[in-house]
């Protein structure tokens, strides 16, 4: 059984052009998740999959021991392409075994640390789960459009320190077996575990306004 960390990075990005290799805290953005996966004890190989030669050349320059490059099919790198499409493409192309463990790592979550990946893998294996996602806890109050509260009683408004909050999918990484991905064609299926990460890991780099805030978090918490 092998454990593969898979980082899909497209060349095309409408909101932030070439964001996956845009400098972030002194390194190309994809460097940070590649380093976290490379340094995780549970990971055997790290696959950076891209349709962009510039991104692949940049990733090659990292010189990380576990990192391998995969040139993804441009048909699975369109704005309308799902992440699952390139996951399944690679699983088929690489001939992975059903019992191999597949970790989808997203480059837009650069605050992910190697200990997060190792800790999540321990939870996944020891709990007998089929898949796992990462979440961050938010203590915001949420409402339905029709005026109904979702996660609290406004007649008994809790103090922040007494409020458990709500777990929010933060998109950092997902764990599953290759067999489960093949059968469900989805990153999550079966008995699902939640691995909680710090609240600041809830930020994703989808818009230019996210960049400065994420860099501040990186300097404060992770670098």
N, C-alpha and C. Protein backbone atom coordinates (compact mmCIF):
# COMPACT_ATOMS: atom_id res chain seq x y z
N UNK A 1 0.84 -1.19 0.00
CA UNK A 1 0.00 0.00 0.00
C UNK A 1 0.88 1.25 0.00
N UNK A 2 0.66 2.12 -0.97
CA UNK A 2 1.39 3.38 -1.06
C UNK A 2 0.46 4.54 -0.75
N UNK A 3 1.04 5.63 -0.27
CA UNK A 3 0.28 6.85 0.00
C UNK A 3 0.77 7.94 -0.93
N UNK A 4 -0.14 8.44 -1.74
CA UNK A 4 0.19 9.44 -2.75
C UNK A 4 -0.47 10.75 -2.39
N UNK A 5 0.31 11.81 -2.32
CA UNK A 5 -0.24 13.16 -2.16
C UNK A 5 -0.31 13.77 -3.56
N UNK A 6 -1.48 14.18 -3.96
CA UNK A 6 -1.73 14.65 -5.32
C UNK A 6 -2.12 16.12 -5.29
N UNK A 7 -1.34 16.96 -5.99
CA UNK A 7 -1.57 18.40 -5.99
C UNK A 7 -1.88 18.85 -7.42
N UNK A 8 -3.15 19.05 -7.76
CA UNK A 8 -3.50 19.51 -9.11
C UNK A 8 -3.41 21.03 -9.20
N UNK A 9 -2.68 21.53 -10.19
CA UNK A 9 -2.51 22.98 -10.35
C UNK A 9 -2.65 23.34 -11.83
N UNK A 10 -3.70 24.07 -12.13
CA UNK A 10 -3.94 24.49 -13.51
C UNK A 10 -3.12 25.73 -13.86
N UNK A 11 -2.83 25.86 -15.13
CA UNK A 11 -2.17 27.08 -15.60
C UNK A 11 -3.15 28.23 -15.69
N UNK A 12 -4.39 27.93 -16.02
CA UNK A 12 -5.39 28.97 -16.18
C UNK A 12 -6.05 29.30 -14.86
N UNK A 13 -6.10 30.60 -14.54
CA UNK A 13 -6.81 31.07 -13.35
C UNK A 13 -7.36 32.44 -13.68
N UNK A 14 -8.66 32.58 -13.61
CA UNK A 14 -9.28 33.84 -14.02
C UNK A 14 -9.13 34.92 -12.96
N UNK A 15 -9.31 34.57 -11.70
CA UNK A 15 -9.31 35.58 -10.64
C UNK A 15 -7.90 36.10 -10.35
N UNK A 16 -6.91 35.20 -10.33
CA UNK A 16 -5.51 35.56 -10.08
C UNK A 16 -4.67 34.83 -11.12
N UNK A 17 -4.25 35.49 -12.20
CA UNK A 17 -3.50 34.81 -13.27
C UNK A 17 -2.25 34.11 -12.74
N UNK A 18 -2.09 32.84 -13.16
CA UNK A 18 -0.95 32.00 -12.78
C UNK A 18 -0.71 32.02 -11.27
N UNK A 19 -1.79 31.97 -10.51
CA UNK A 19 -1.67 32.12 -9.06
C UNK A 19 -0.87 31.00 -8.43
N UNK A 20 -0.86 29.82 -9.02
CA UNK A 20 -0.18 28.68 -8.39
C UNK A 20 1.33 28.83 -8.32
N UNK A 21 1.89 29.73 -9.14
CA UNK A 21 3.33 30.01 -9.03
C UNK A 21 3.60 31.48 -8.74
N UNK A 22 2.57 32.20 -8.39
CA UNK A 22 2.76 33.59 -7.96
C UNK A 22 3.48 33.58 -6.61
N UNK A 23 4.44 34.50 -6.40
CA UNK A 23 5.18 34.52 -5.13
C UNK A 23 4.26 34.71 -3.93
N UNK A 24 4.46 33.84 -2.95
CA UNK A 24 3.71 33.90 -1.70
C UNK A 24 4.70 33.68 -0.57
N UNK A 25 4.91 34.70 0.25
CA UNK A 25 5.88 34.61 1.36
C UNK A 25 7.25 34.12 0.86
N UNK A 26 7.67 34.60 -0.29
CA UNK A 26 9.01 34.34 -0.77
C UNK A 26 9.18 33.11 -1.64
N UNK A 27 8.12 32.34 -1.87
CA UNK A 27 8.18 31.15 -2.72
C UNK A 27 6.93 31.09 -3.59
N UNK A 28 6.99 30.37 -4.71
CA UNK A 28 5.77 30.16 -5.49
C UNK A 28 4.71 29.49 -4.62
N UNK A 29 3.46 29.84 -4.84
CA UNK A 29 2.38 29.36 -3.98
C UNK A 29 2.40 27.85 -3.80
N UNK A 30 2.56 27.10 -4.89
CA UNK A 30 2.48 25.63 -4.80
C UNK A 30 3.61 25.04 -3.97
N UNK A 31 4.69 25.79 -3.78
CA UNK A 31 5.82 25.31 -2.98
C UNK A 31 5.37 24.89 -1.58
N UNK A 32 4.45 25.67 -0.98
CA UNK A 32 4.13 25.46 0.42
C UNK A 32 3.41 24.14 0.67
N UNK A 33 2.42 23.81 -0.16
CA UNK A 33 1.75 22.53 0.03
C UNK A 33 2.63 21.37 -0.42
N UNK A 34 3.45 21.62 -1.44
CA UNK A 34 4.40 20.58 -1.86
C UNK A 34 5.37 20.26 -0.73
N UNK A 35 5.85 21.29 -0.03
CA UNK A 35 6.77 21.07 1.09
C UNK A 35 6.09 20.32 2.22
N UNK A 36 4.84 20.72 2.53
CA UNK A 36 4.11 20.04 3.60
C UNK A 36 3.93 18.57 3.29
N UNK A 37 3.55 18.26 2.05
CA UNK A 37 3.35 16.86 1.67
C UNK A 37 4.67 16.11 1.62
N UNK A 38 5.70 16.75 1.12
CA UNK A 38 7.02 16.11 1.03
C UNK A 38 7.57 15.76 2.41
N UNK A 39 7.30 16.63 3.39
CA UNK A 39 7.83 16.43 4.74
C UNK A 39 6.95 15.53 5.61
N UNK A 40 5.75 15.22 5.15
CA UNK A 40 4.87 14.35 5.93
C UNK A 40 5.41 12.93 5.94
N UNK A 41 5.52 12.33 7.10
CA UNK A 41 6.09 10.99 7.22
C UNK A 41 5.23 9.93 6.53
N UNK A 42 3.93 10.15 6.48
CA UNK A 42 3.03 9.13 5.93
C UNK A 42 3.01 9.11 4.40
N UNK A 43 3.56 10.12 3.76
CA UNK A 43 3.47 10.25 2.30
C UNK A 43 4.67 9.58 1.62
N UNK A 44 4.39 8.73 0.64
CA UNK A 44 5.46 8.07 -0.12
C UNK A 44 5.88 8.88 -1.34
N UNK A 45 4.92 9.50 -2.03
CA UNK A 45 5.25 10.31 -3.20
C UNK A 45 4.28 11.47 -3.32
N UNK A 46 4.78 12.56 -3.89
CA UNK A 46 4.00 13.77 -4.10
C UNK A 46 3.91 14.03 -5.60
N UNK A 47 2.71 14.07 -6.12
CA UNK A 47 2.51 14.29 -7.55
C UNK A 47 1.97 15.69 -7.77
N UNK A 48 2.71 16.50 -8.52
CA UNK A 48 2.22 17.81 -8.92
C UNK A 48 1.76 17.68 -10.36
N UNK A 49 0.46 17.84 -10.57
CA UNK A 49 -0.16 17.61 -11.88
C UNK A 49 -0.60 18.94 -12.48
N UNK A 50 -0.07 19.26 -13.66
CA UNK A 50 -0.42 20.53 -14.27
C UNK A 50 -0.43 20.41 -15.79
N UNK A 51 -1.19 21.30 -16.42
CA UNK A 51 -1.19 21.43 -17.87
C UNK A 51 -0.21 22.50 -18.32
N UNK A 52 0.45 23.16 -17.37
CA UNK A 52 1.34 24.28 -17.67
C UNK A 52 2.81 23.87 -17.54
N UNK A 53 3.56 24.04 -18.60
CA UNK A 53 5.00 23.74 -18.54
C UNK A 53 5.71 24.66 -17.56
N UNK A 54 5.27 25.91 -17.47
CA UNK A 54 5.89 26.85 -16.53
C UNK A 54 5.72 26.36 -15.09
N UNK A 55 4.54 25.88 -14.77
CA UNK A 55 4.31 25.37 -13.41
C UNK A 55 5.14 24.13 -13.16
N UNK A 56 5.20 23.23 -14.13
CA UNK A 56 5.97 22.00 -13.95
C UNK A 56 7.46 22.30 -13.80
N UNK A 57 7.97 23.25 -14.58
CA UNK A 57 9.39 23.63 -14.44
C UNK A 57 9.65 24.25 -13.07
N UNK A 58 8.72 25.07 -12.62
CA UNK A 58 8.87 25.68 -11.30
C UNK A 58 8.89 24.62 -10.21
N UNK A 59 7.97 23.66 -10.31
CA UNK A 59 7.91 22.59 -9.31
C UNK A 59 9.17 21.73 -9.33
N UNK A 60 9.71 21.50 -10.51
CA UNK A 60 10.94 20.71 -10.62
C UNK A 60 12.10 21.40 -9.91
N UNK A 61 12.08 22.74 -9.93
CA UNK A 61 13.18 23.51 -9.31
C UNK A 61 13.19 23.41 -7.79
N UNK A 62 12.11 22.92 -7.20
CA UNK A 62 12.07 22.81 -5.74
C UNK A 62 13.09 21.79 -5.23
N UNK A 63 13.39 20.78 -6.04
CA UNK A 63 14.36 19.77 -5.65
C UNK A 63 13.92 18.93 -4.46
N UNK A 64 12.63 18.73 -4.32
CA UNK A 64 12.11 17.94 -3.20
C UNK A 64 12.16 16.45 -3.53
N UNK A 65 12.60 15.67 -2.58
CA UNK A 65 12.89 14.25 -2.79
C UNK A 65 11.69 13.44 -3.26
N UNK A 66 10.52 13.70 -2.71
CA UNK A 66 9.35 12.88 -3.03
C UNK A 66 8.54 13.40 -4.21
N UNK A 67 8.84 14.60 -4.69
CA UNK A 67 8.01 15.23 -5.71
C UNK A 67 8.25 14.63 -7.09
N UNK A 68 7.14 14.30 -7.77
CA UNK A 68 7.14 13.85 -9.16
C UNK A 68 6.18 14.74 -9.94
N UNK A 69 6.44 14.89 -11.24
CA UNK A 69 5.63 15.76 -12.07
C UNK A 69 4.74 14.93 -12.99
N UNK A 70 3.54 15.42 -13.21
CA UNK A 70 2.61 14.75 -14.12
C UNK A 70 1.96 15.81 -15.01
N UNK A 71 2.09 15.63 -16.32
CA UNK A 71 1.49 16.56 -17.28
C UNK A 71 0.05 16.11 -17.54
N UNK A 72 -0.88 16.84 -16.99
CA UNK A 72 -2.29 16.45 -17.08
C UNK A 72 -2.88 16.78 -18.44
N UNK A 73 -3.90 16.05 -18.80
CA UNK A 73 -4.60 16.25 -20.06
C UNK A 73 -5.29 17.62 -20.03
N UNK A 74 -5.03 18.48 -21.03
CA UNK A 74 -5.69 19.79 -21.05
C UNK A 74 -7.21 19.71 -21.00
N UNK A 75 -7.78 18.60 -21.45
CA UNK A 75 -9.23 18.43 -21.40
C UNK A 75 -9.74 18.40 -19.97
N UNK A 76 -8.88 18.03 -19.03
CA UNK A 76 -9.25 18.00 -17.62
C UNK A 76 -8.68 19.18 -16.85
N UNK A 77 -8.35 20.25 -17.59
CA UNK A 77 -7.80 21.45 -16.95
C UNK A 77 -8.56 22.70 -17.39
N UNK A 78 -9.81 22.51 -17.76
CA UNK A 78 -10.65 23.63 -18.19
C UNK A 78 -11.36 24.25 -16.98
N UNK A 79 -11.93 25.44 -17.19
CA UNK A 79 -12.68 26.09 -16.12
C UNK A 79 -13.82 25.21 -15.63
N UNK A 80 -14.37 24.42 -16.55
CA UNK A 80 -15.51 23.57 -16.20
C UNK A 80 -15.11 22.18 -15.70
N UNK A 81 -13.81 21.89 -15.70
CA UNK A 81 -13.34 20.55 -15.31
C UNK A 81 -13.43 20.38 -13.79
N UNK A 82 -13.86 19.22 -13.37
CA UNK A 82 -13.87 18.93 -11.93
C UNK A 82 -12.50 18.45 -11.49
N UNK A 83 -12.20 18.64 -10.21
CA UNK A 83 -10.95 18.10 -9.68
C UNK A 83 -10.95 16.59 -9.77
N UNK A 84 -12.12 15.97 -9.58
CA UNK A 84 -12.22 14.52 -9.67
C UNK A 84 -11.79 14.00 -11.03
N UNK A 85 -12.00 14.79 -12.09
CA UNK A 85 -11.64 14.31 -13.43
C UNK A 85 -10.13 14.10 -13.57
N UNK A 86 -9.33 15.00 -13.00
CA UNK A 86 -7.88 14.82 -13.09
C UNK A 86 -7.40 13.78 -12.08
N UNK A 87 -8.08 13.66 -10.94
CA UNK A 87 -7.75 12.59 -10.00
C UNK A 87 -7.91 11.23 -10.67
N UNK A 88 -9.05 11.02 -11.32
CA UNK A 88 -9.32 9.74 -11.99
C UNK A 88 -8.39 9.53 -13.17
N UNK A 89 -8.06 10.62 -13.87
CA UNK A 89 -7.10 10.52 -14.98
C UNK A 89 -5.76 9.99 -14.48
N UNK A 90 -5.26 10.56 -13.40
CA UNK A 90 -3.96 10.14 -12.88
C UNK A 90 -4.02 8.72 -12.32
N UNK A 91 -5.07 8.40 -11.57
CA UNK A 91 -5.20 7.05 -11.01
C UNK A 91 -5.14 6.00 -12.12
N UNK A 92 -5.80 6.27 -13.23
CA UNK A 92 -5.79 5.34 -14.36
C UNK A 92 -4.41 5.32 -15.03
N UNK A 93 -3.85 6.50 -15.29
CA UNK A 93 -2.56 6.58 -16.00
C UNK A 93 -1.43 5.95 -15.20
N UNK A 94 -1.46 6.11 -13.89
CA UNK A 94 -0.39 5.58 -13.04
C UNK A 94 -0.61 4.13 -12.65
N UNK A 95 -1.80 3.61 -12.93
CA UNK A 95 -2.10 2.22 -12.57
C UNK A 95 -2.06 1.98 -11.08
N UNK A 96 -2.63 2.89 -10.32
CA UNK A 96 -2.60 2.74 -8.86
C UNK A 96 -3.44 1.56 -8.40
N UNK A 97 -3.06 0.98 -7.28
CA UNK A 97 -3.78 -0.15 -6.71
C UNK A 97 -4.97 0.33 -5.88
N UNK A 98 -5.98 -0.51 -5.77
CA UNK A 98 -7.19 -0.15 -5.03
C UNK A 98 -6.90 0.21 -3.58
N UNK A 99 -5.92 -0.45 -2.96
CA UNK A 99 -5.66 -0.17 -1.55
C UNK A 99 -4.66 0.96 -1.32
N UNK A 100 -4.18 1.59 -2.39
CA UNK A 100 -3.34 2.78 -2.21
C UNK A 100 -4.18 3.90 -1.61
N UNK A 101 -3.53 4.73 -0.80
CA UNK A 101 -4.21 5.87 -0.19
C UNK A 101 -3.90 7.12 -1.00
N UNK A 102 -4.93 7.88 -1.29
CA UNK A 102 -4.83 9.05 -2.17
C UNK A 102 -5.19 10.29 -1.37
N UNK A 103 -4.25 11.23 -1.27
CA UNK A 103 -4.49 12.49 -0.56
C UNK A 103 -4.54 13.61 -1.58
N UNK A 104 -5.71 14.18 -1.76
CA UNK A 104 -5.86 15.35 -2.62
C UNK A 104 -5.47 16.58 -1.81
N UNK A 105 -4.40 17.27 -2.22
CA UNK A 105 -3.90 18.45 -1.51
C UNK A 105 -4.10 19.65 -2.42
N UNK A 106 -4.68 20.72 -1.89
CA UNK A 106 -4.98 21.88 -2.73
C UNK A 106 -3.99 23.01 -2.45
N UNK A 107 -3.36 23.48 -3.52
CA UNK A 107 -2.31 24.50 -3.41
C UNK A 107 -2.82 25.82 -2.87
N UNK A 108 -4.13 26.04 -2.96
CA UNK A 108 -4.71 27.30 -2.48
C UNK A 108 -4.89 27.33 -0.96
N UNK A 109 -4.36 26.32 -0.29
CA UNK A 109 -4.36 26.30 1.19
C UNK A 109 -2.93 26.19 1.69
N UNK A 110 -2.13 27.26 1.52
CA UNK A 110 -0.70 27.18 1.82
C UNK A 110 -0.36 27.07 3.30
N UNK A 111 -1.33 27.25 4.18
CA UNK A 111 -1.04 27.15 5.61
C UNK A 111 -1.06 25.71 6.11
N UNK A 112 -1.34 24.77 5.22
CA UNK A 112 -1.31 23.36 5.59
C UNK A 112 0.10 22.96 6.00
N UNK A 113 0.23 22.22 7.09
CA UNK A 113 1.52 21.78 7.60
C UNK A 113 1.65 20.26 7.50
N UNK A 114 2.89 19.78 7.50
CA UNK A 114 3.11 18.34 7.41
C UNK A 114 2.48 17.60 8.59
N UNK A 115 2.47 18.21 9.77
CA UNK A 115 1.87 17.52 10.92
C UNK A 115 0.36 17.39 10.76
N UNK A 116 -0.26 18.29 9.99
CA UNK A 116 -1.69 18.15 9.71
C UNK A 116 -1.94 16.90 8.87
N UNK A 117 -1.12 16.70 7.86
CA UNK A 117 -1.29 15.53 6.98
C UNK A 117 -1.04 14.25 7.77
N UNK A 118 0.01 14.23 8.56
CA UNK A 118 0.29 13.03 9.37
C UNK A 118 -0.80 12.77 10.40
N UNK A 119 -1.28 13.82 11.05
CA UNK A 119 -2.33 13.66 12.05
C UNK A 119 -3.64 13.18 11.43
N UNK A 120 -3.97 13.71 10.26
CA UNK A 120 -5.19 13.29 9.59
C UNK A 120 -5.08 11.84 9.12
N UNK A 121 -3.90 11.46 8.66
CA UNK A 121 -3.71 10.08 8.22
C UNK A 121 -3.86 9.11 9.40
N UNK A 122 -3.38 9.48 10.55
CA UNK A 122 -3.52 8.63 11.73
C UNK A 122 -5.00 8.45 12.06
N UNK A 123 -5.75 9.55 12.03
CA UNK A 123 -7.19 9.48 12.29
C UNK A 123 -7.88 8.59 11.26
N UNK A 124 -7.54 8.76 10.00
CA UNK A 124 -8.14 7.99 8.90
C UNK A 124 -7.91 6.50 9.08
N UNK A 125 -6.68 6.13 9.40
CA UNK A 125 -6.34 4.70 9.51
C UNK A 125 -6.89 4.08 10.78
N UNK A 126 -6.71 4.76 11.90
CA UNK A 126 -7.12 4.17 13.17
C UNK A 126 -8.63 4.10 13.32
N UNK A 127 -9.36 5.00 12.66
CA UNK A 127 -10.81 5.01 12.78
C UNK A 127 -11.52 4.15 11.76
N UNK A 128 -10.77 3.54 10.84
CA UNK A 128 -11.39 2.69 9.83
C UNK A 128 -12.31 3.45 8.89
N UNK A 129 -11.93 4.67 8.56
CA UNK A 129 -12.77 5.51 7.70
C UNK A 129 -12.55 5.19 6.22
N UNK A 130 -13.53 5.58 5.41
CA UNK A 130 -13.42 5.44 3.96
C UNK A 130 -12.85 6.70 3.33
N UNK A 131 -13.08 7.84 3.94
CA UNK A 131 -12.55 9.10 3.42
C UNK A 131 -12.50 10.12 4.55
N UNK A 132 -11.81 11.22 4.29
CA UNK A 132 -11.60 12.25 5.32
C UNK A 132 -11.54 13.62 4.64
N UNK A 133 -12.08 14.62 5.32
CA UNK A 133 -11.93 15.99 4.86
C UNK A 133 -11.43 16.86 6.01
N UNK A 134 -10.85 17.99 5.67
CA UNK A 134 -10.37 18.92 6.68
C UNK A 134 -11.37 20.06 6.84
N UNK A 135 -11.50 20.52 8.07
CA UNK A 135 -12.41 21.62 8.39
C UNK A 135 -11.73 22.59 9.34
N UNK A 136 -12.23 23.81 9.35
CA UNK A 136 -11.87 24.80 10.37
C UNK A 136 -13.15 25.22 11.07
N UNK A 137 -13.03 25.50 12.36
CA UNK A 137 -14.21 25.87 13.14
C UNK A 137 -14.42 27.38 13.06
N UNK A 138 -15.63 27.77 12.73
CA UNK A 138 -15.97 29.19 12.71
C UNK A 138 -17.02 29.47 13.77
N UNK A 139 -16.89 30.61 14.41
CA UNK A 139 -17.85 30.99 15.45
C UNK A 139 -18.72 32.15 14.97
N UNK A 140 -19.04 32.12 13.69
CA UNK A 140 -19.98 33.07 13.12
C UNK A 140 -21.39 32.50 13.22
N UNK A 141 -22.36 33.39 13.24
CA UNK A 141 -23.76 32.97 13.27
C UNK A 141 -24.29 32.96 11.84
N UNK A 142 -24.92 31.85 11.44
CA UNK A 142 -25.41 31.71 10.08
C UNK A 142 -26.94 31.69 10.04
N UNK A 143 -27.47 32.23 8.94
CA UNK A 143 -28.92 32.37 8.76
C UNK A 143 -29.34 31.87 7.39
N UNK A 144 -30.59 31.39 7.33
CA UNK A 144 -31.22 31.09 6.05
C UNK A 144 -31.75 32.40 5.45
N UNK A 145 -31.96 32.38 4.13
CA UNK A 145 -32.48 33.56 3.44
C UNK A 145 -33.86 33.97 3.97
N UNK A 146 -34.62 32.99 4.46
CA UNK A 146 -35.97 33.28 4.92
C UNK A 146 -36.03 33.75 6.37
N UNK A 147 -34.87 34.04 6.95
CA UNK A 147 -34.85 34.61 8.30
C UNK A 147 -34.78 33.60 9.42
N UNK A 148 -34.45 32.35 9.11
CA UNK A 148 -34.31 31.32 10.14
C UNK A 148 -32.84 31.13 10.48
N UNK A 149 -32.49 31.13 11.79
CA UNK A 149 -31.08 30.90 12.17
C UNK A 149 -30.70 29.45 11.91
N UNK A 150 -29.45 29.25 11.53
CA UNK A 150 -28.97 27.89 11.21
C UNK A 150 -28.27 27.24 12.39
N UNK A 151 -27.42 27.99 13.08
CA UNK A 151 -26.55 27.34 14.06
C UNK A 151 -26.61 27.93 15.47
N UNK A 152 -27.66 28.72 15.77
CA UNK A 152 -27.78 29.23 17.14
C UNK A 152 -29.21 29.70 17.39
N UNK A 153 -29.52 29.90 18.64
CA UNK A 153 -30.82 30.41 19.07
C UNK A 153 -30.67 31.88 19.39
N UNK A 154 -31.24 32.76 18.55
CA UNK A 154 -31.04 34.19 18.75
C UNK A 154 -31.70 34.71 20.03
N UNK A 155 -32.64 33.92 20.58
CA UNK A 155 -33.26 34.32 21.85
C UNK A 155 -32.33 34.03 23.04
N UNK A 156 -31.34 33.20 22.79
CA UNK A 156 -30.35 32.88 23.83
C UNK A 156 -28.96 32.97 23.20
N UNK A 157 -28.61 34.17 22.78
CA UNK A 157 -27.36 34.39 22.06
C UNK A 157 -26.16 34.00 22.94
N UNK A 158 -25.38 33.02 22.51
CA UNK A 158 -24.24 32.58 23.34
C UNK A 158 -23.06 33.54 23.27
N UNK A 159 -22.28 33.59 24.33
CA UNK A 159 -21.01 34.30 24.29
C UNK A 159 -20.04 33.48 23.44
N UNK A 160 -19.10 34.14 22.81
CA UNK A 160 -18.17 33.44 21.92
C UNK A 160 -17.46 32.30 22.64
N UNK A 161 -17.05 32.55 23.89
CA UNK A 161 -16.30 31.51 24.62
C UNK A 161 -17.16 30.32 25.00
N UNK A 162 -18.48 30.48 24.94
CA UNK A 162 -19.39 29.38 25.27
C UNK A 162 -20.00 28.73 24.03
N UNK A 163 -19.63 29.23 22.86
CA UNK A 163 -20.25 28.78 21.61
C UNK A 163 -19.34 27.78 20.90
N UNK A 164 -19.86 26.60 20.63
CA UNK A 164 -19.05 25.56 19.98
C UNK A 164 -18.73 25.90 18.54
N UNK A 165 -19.57 26.71 17.90
CA UNK A 165 -19.32 27.10 16.52
C UNK A 165 -19.74 26.01 15.54
N UNK A 166 -19.32 26.19 14.29
CA UNK A 166 -19.69 25.29 13.20
C UNK A 166 -18.44 24.89 12.43
N UNK A 167 -18.33 23.62 12.10
CA UNK A 167 -17.20 23.16 11.30
C UNK A 167 -17.44 23.49 9.84
N UNK A 168 -16.46 24.15 9.22
CA UNK A 168 -16.55 24.58 7.83
C UNK A 168 -15.49 23.85 7.00
N UNK A 169 -15.90 23.24 5.93
CA UNK A 169 -14.94 22.58 5.03
C UNK A 169 -13.96 23.64 4.53
N UNK A 170 -12.66 23.43 4.77
CA UNK A 170 -11.69 24.46 4.38
C UNK A 170 -10.92 24.13 3.11
N UNK A 171 -11.12 22.94 2.55
CA UNK A 171 -10.53 22.61 1.26
C UNK A 171 -9.04 22.36 1.27
N UNK A 172 -8.43 22.19 2.44
CA UNK A 172 -6.98 22.01 2.50
C UNK A 172 -6.55 20.69 1.86
N UNK A 173 -7.12 19.57 2.33
CA UNK A 173 -6.83 18.28 1.72
C UNK A 173 -7.91 17.28 2.07
N UNK A 174 -7.91 16.20 1.29
CA UNK A 174 -8.90 15.12 1.45
C UNK A 174 -8.16 13.79 1.34
N UNK A 175 -8.60 12.81 2.09
CA UNK A 175 -7.98 11.48 2.05
C UNK A 175 -9.03 10.44 1.69
N UNK A 176 -8.65 9.51 0.84
CA UNK A 176 -9.52 8.40 0.48
C UNK A 176 -8.66 7.27 -0.04
N UNK A 177 -9.26 6.09 -0.21
CA UNK A 177 -8.55 5.02 -0.91
C UNK A 177 -8.81 5.17 -2.40
N UNK A 178 -7.91 4.63 -3.19
CA UNK A 178 -8.09 4.64 -4.64
C UNK A 178 -9.36 3.89 -5.01
N UNK A 179 -9.61 2.78 -4.32
CA UNK A 179 -10.82 1.99 -4.60
C UNK A 179 -12.08 2.83 -4.42
N UNK A 180 -12.16 3.58 -3.34
CA UNK A 180 -13.34 4.40 -3.05
C UNK A 180 -13.51 5.49 -4.10
N UNK A 181 -12.41 6.08 -4.54
CA UNK A 181 -12.49 7.12 -5.57
C UNK A 181 -12.96 6.53 -6.89
N UNK A 182 -12.43 5.37 -7.25
CA UNK A 182 -12.86 4.72 -8.49
C UNK A 182 -14.35 4.42 -8.47
N UNK A 183 -14.82 3.90 -7.34
CA UNK A 183 -16.22 3.46 -7.27
C UNK A 183 -17.19 4.62 -7.18
N UNK A 184 -16.83 5.66 -6.44
CA UNK A 184 -17.75 6.78 -6.23
C UNK A 184 -17.53 7.93 -7.21
N UNK A 185 -16.33 7.97 -7.82
CA UNK A 185 -15.93 9.09 -8.68
C UNK A 185 -16.03 10.41 -7.92
N UNK A 186 -15.72 10.33 -6.62
CA UNK A 186 -15.80 11.51 -5.76
C UNK A 186 -14.68 11.44 -4.72
N UNK A 187 -14.22 12.59 -4.26
CA UNK A 187 -13.15 12.63 -3.26
C UNK A 187 -13.62 12.15 -1.88
N UNK A 188 -14.94 12.19 -1.65
CA UNK A 188 -15.51 11.76 -0.37
C UNK A 188 -16.58 10.70 -0.60
N UNK A 189 -16.56 9.68 0.23
CA UNK A 189 -17.59 8.65 0.15
C UNK A 189 -17.54 7.79 1.41
N UNK A 190 -18.60 7.01 1.61
CA UNK A 190 -18.62 6.06 2.72
C UNK A 190 -18.62 6.73 4.08
N UNK A 191 -17.90 6.13 5.01
CA UNK A 191 -17.77 6.64 6.37
C UNK A 191 -16.73 7.76 6.37
N UNK A 192 -17.16 8.99 6.65
CA UNK A 192 -16.31 10.17 6.48
C UNK A 192 -15.82 10.70 7.83
N UNK A 193 -14.52 10.94 7.90
CA UNK A 193 -13.92 11.55 9.09
C UNK A 193 -13.70 13.04 8.86
N UNK A 194 -13.71 13.80 9.95
CA UNK A 194 -13.40 15.22 9.89
C UNK A 194 -12.14 15.47 10.70
N UNK A 195 -11.14 16.09 10.07
CA UNK A 195 -9.91 16.48 10.77
C UNK A 195 -9.96 18.00 10.93
N UNK A 196 -9.94 18.45 12.18
CA UNK A 196 -10.07 19.88 12.43
C UNK A 196 -8.71 20.57 12.42
N UNK A 197 -8.64 21.67 11.67
CA UNK A 197 -7.45 22.51 11.60
C UNK A 197 -7.78 23.85 12.25
N UNK A 198 -6.76 24.66 12.58
CA UNK A 198 -7.02 25.95 13.23
C UNK A 198 -7.92 26.85 12.38
N UNK A 199 -8.56 27.79 13.05
CA UNK A 199 -9.50 28.68 12.36
C UNK A 199 -8.84 29.44 11.23
N UNK A 200 -7.58 29.87 11.40
CA UNK A 200 -6.92 30.66 10.35
C UNK A 200 -6.67 29.85 9.08
N UNK A 201 -6.75 28.54 9.17
CA UNK A 201 -6.57 27.71 7.98
C UNK A 201 -7.82 27.67 7.11
N UNK A 202 -8.84 28.41 7.52
CA UNK A 202 -10.06 28.45 6.73
C UNK A 202 -9.96 29.34 5.51
N UNK A 203 -8.90 30.13 5.38
CA UNK A 203 -8.76 31.03 4.24
C UNK A 203 -8.26 30.26 3.02
N UNK A 204 -8.85 30.56 1.85
CA UNK A 204 -8.39 30.00 0.59
C UNK A 204 -8.08 31.15 -0.37
N UNK A 205 -7.10 30.95 -1.22
CA UNK A 205 -6.65 32.02 -2.10
C UNK A 205 -7.41 31.98 -3.42
N UNK A 206 -8.62 32.46 -3.38
CA UNK A 206 -9.46 32.46 -4.56
C UNK A 206 -9.59 33.84 -5.20
N UNK A 207 -9.38 34.90 -4.41
CA UNK A 207 -9.50 36.27 -4.88
C UNK A 207 -8.27 37.07 -4.47
N UNK A 208 -7.92 38.14 -5.23
CA UNK A 208 -6.74 38.94 -4.87
C UNK A 208 -6.77 39.47 -3.44
N UNK A 209 -7.95 39.77 -2.93
CA UNK A 209 -8.05 40.30 -1.57
C UNK A 209 -7.65 39.29 -0.51
N UNK A 210 -7.65 38.01 -0.86
CA UNK A 210 -7.28 36.96 0.10
C UNK A 210 -5.77 36.92 0.33
N UNK A 211 -4.98 37.41 -0.64
CA UNK A 211 -3.54 37.17 -0.67
C UNK A 211 -2.81 37.78 0.54
N UNK A 212 -3.01 39.09 0.76
CA UNK A 212 -2.30 39.77 1.85
C UNK A 212 -2.67 39.19 3.21
N UNK A 213 -3.94 38.87 3.39
CA UNK A 213 -4.38 38.31 4.67
C UNK A 213 -3.76 36.94 4.90
N UNK A 214 -3.71 36.12 3.86
CA UNK A 214 -3.10 34.79 4.00
C UNK A 214 -1.61 34.89 4.29
N UNK A 215 -0.92 35.84 3.67
CA UNK A 215 0.50 36.03 3.96
C UNK A 215 0.71 36.47 5.41
N UNK A 216 -0.18 37.31 5.92
CA UNK A 216 -0.08 37.73 7.32
C UNK A 216 -0.26 36.52 8.24
N UNK A 217 -1.23 35.67 7.94
CA UNK A 217 -1.44 34.46 8.73
C UNK A 217 -0.22 33.55 8.67
N UNK A 218 0.37 33.44 7.49
CA UNK A 218 1.54 32.58 7.33
C UNK A 218 2.69 33.07 8.20
N UNK A 219 2.96 34.36 8.16
CA UNK A 219 4.05 34.92 8.97
C UNK A 219 3.77 34.76 10.47
N UNK A 220 2.51 34.86 10.84
CA UNK A 220 2.14 34.81 12.25
C UNK A 220 2.11 33.39 12.81
N UNK A 221 1.67 32.43 11.99
CA UNK A 221 1.37 31.11 12.54
C UNK A 221 2.22 29.96 12.01
N UNK A 222 2.70 30.06 10.77
CA UNK A 222 3.16 28.83 10.13
C UNK A 222 4.58 28.85 9.61
N UNK A 223 5.08 29.96 9.18
CA UNK A 223 6.33 29.95 8.40
C UNK A 223 7.51 29.51 9.25
